[in-house]
Amino acid sequence: MTEAKERGELLPHVVPAETARLLVGAWTGVRLVTESLPGRGLPREVSNLYALILPGIAAPGILATLEVSPFRAERLLVEARVRAAPVN
């Protein structure tokens, strides 16, 4: 958060330490709720959390480039495997 603030990626009102604590608490709450309710997937719920919170903290130019898809991690793993595969 501090680095993002220094790079101008956060809105002027954002206090990095306070925002980080809020995000950790929100993420923890989402995880606990997701574990206790059947049919809830953590990636989708965290994606929903970020989609709700990021517009209030990220600078507009950065917000347009952020990917909060619940399938992001899976996509990145596939891309990493493709890059690591030997070329014939």
Protein backbone atom coordinates (compact mmCIF):
# COMPACT_ATOMS: atom_id res chain seq x y z
CA MET A 1 0.00 0.00 0.00
CA THR A 2 2.78 2.41 0.85
CA GLU A 3 4.55 1.74 -2.45
CA ALA A 4 1.29 2.15 -4.35
CA LYS A 5 0.70 5.46 -2.58
CA GLU A 6 4.21 6.66 -3.44
CA ARG A 7 3.67 5.73 -7.11
CA GLY A 8 0.41 7.70 -7.22
CA GLU A 9 -1.70 4.56 -7.65
CA LEU A 10 -4.00 5.34 -4.73
CA LEU A 11 -6.50 8.12 -4.34
CA PRO A 12 -5.27 11.09 -2.27
CA HIS A 13 -7.44 10.31 0.78
CA VAL A 14 -6.09 6.75 1.21
CA VAL A 15 -3.95 6.11 4.30
CA PRO A 16 -1.96 2.96 3.48
CA ALA A 17 -1.75 1.45 7.00
CA GLU A 18 -5.44 2.01 7.73
CA THR A 19 -6.50 0.68 4.35
CA ALA A 20 -4.27 -2.39 4.70
CA ARG A 21 -5.82 -3.21 8.09
CA LEU A 22 -9.30 -2.82 6.61
CA LEU A 23 -8.47 -5.11 3.70
CA VAL A 24 -6.98 -7.80 5.95
CA GLY A 25 -10.04 -7.69 8.19
CA ALA A 26 -12.43 -7.78 5.25
CA TRP A 27 -10.54 -10.62 3.58
CA THR A 28 -10.55 -12.59 6.85
CA GLY A 29 -14.28 -12.05 7.23
CA VAL A 30 -14.95 -13.14 3.65
CA ARG A 31 -12.88 -16.27 4.23
CA LEU A 32 -14.71 -17.16 7.44
CA VAL A 33 -18.12 -16.62 5.88
CA THR A 34 -17.16 -18.56 2.76
CA GLU A 35 -15.99 -21.53 4.86
CA SER A 36 -19.25 -21.61 6.80
CA LEU A 37 -21.67 -21.37 3.87
CA PRO A 38 -22.06 -24.20 1.37
CA GLY A 39 -21.69 -23.39 -2.30
CA ARG A 40 -19.48 -20.33 -1.81
CA GLY A 41 -16.12 -20.19 -3.52
CA LEU A 42 -13.37 -18.12 -1.91
CA PRO A 43 -11.91 -16.84 -5.21
CA ARG A 44 -15.29 -15.50 -6.33
CA GLU A 45 -16.04 -13.92 -2.95
CA VAL A 46 -12.61 -12.25 -2.72
CA SER A 47 -13.09 -11.03 -6.30
CA ASN A 48 -16.39 -9.47 -5.23
CA LEU A 49 -14.67 -7.84 -2.24
CA TYR A 50 -11.96 -6.27 -4.40
CA ALA A 51 -14.48 -5.16 -7.03
CA LEU A 52 -16.34 -3.31 -4.28
CA ILE A 53 -13.35 -1.79 -2.45
CA LEU A 54 -10.84 -0.95 -5.20
CA PRO A 55 -12.87 1.87 -6.80
CA GLY A 56 -12.71 3.68 -3.45
CA ILE A 57 -8.94 3.45 -3.10
CA ALA A 58 -7.29 3.04 -6.52
CA ALA A 59 -6.50 5.93 -8.85
CA PRO A 60 -8.73 5.79 -11.96
CA GLY A 61 -5.84 5.11 -14.34
CA ILE A 62 -4.73 2.15 -12.22
CA LEU A 63 -8.25 0.89 -11.61
CA ALA A 64 -8.75 0.38 -15.35
CA THR A 65 -5.75 -1.98 -15.45
CA LEU A 66 -6.58 -4.12 -12.41
CA GLU A 67 -7.94 -7.61 -12.89
CA VAL A 68 -10.13 -8.89 -10.08
CA SER A 69 -11.50 -11.95 -11.85
CA PRO A 70 -11.89 -15.02 -9.64
CA PHE A 71 -10.10 -16.93 -12.42
CA ARG A 72 -6.98 -14.71 -12.42
CA ALA A 73 -4.80 -17.08 -10.36
CA GLU A 74 -5.74 -20.04 -12.53
CA ARG A 75 -4.98 -18.07 -15.71
CA LEU A 76 -1.60 -16.94 -14.37
CA LEU A 77 -0.64 -20.53 -13.48
CA VAL A 78 -1.49 -21.73 -16.99
CA GLU A 79 0.51 -18.88 -18.53
CA ALA A 80 3.50 -19.67 -16.28
CA ARG A 81 3.39 -23.34 -17.29
CA VAL A 82 3.28 -22.40 -20.98
CA ARG A 83 6.28 -20.09 -20.55
CA ALA A 84 8.19 -22.77 -18.65
CA ALA A 85 7.46 -25.55 -21.17
CA PRO A 86 10.47 -26.57 -23.25
CA VAL A 87 10.44 -25.39 -26.84
CA ASN A 88 10.91 -28.16 -29.41
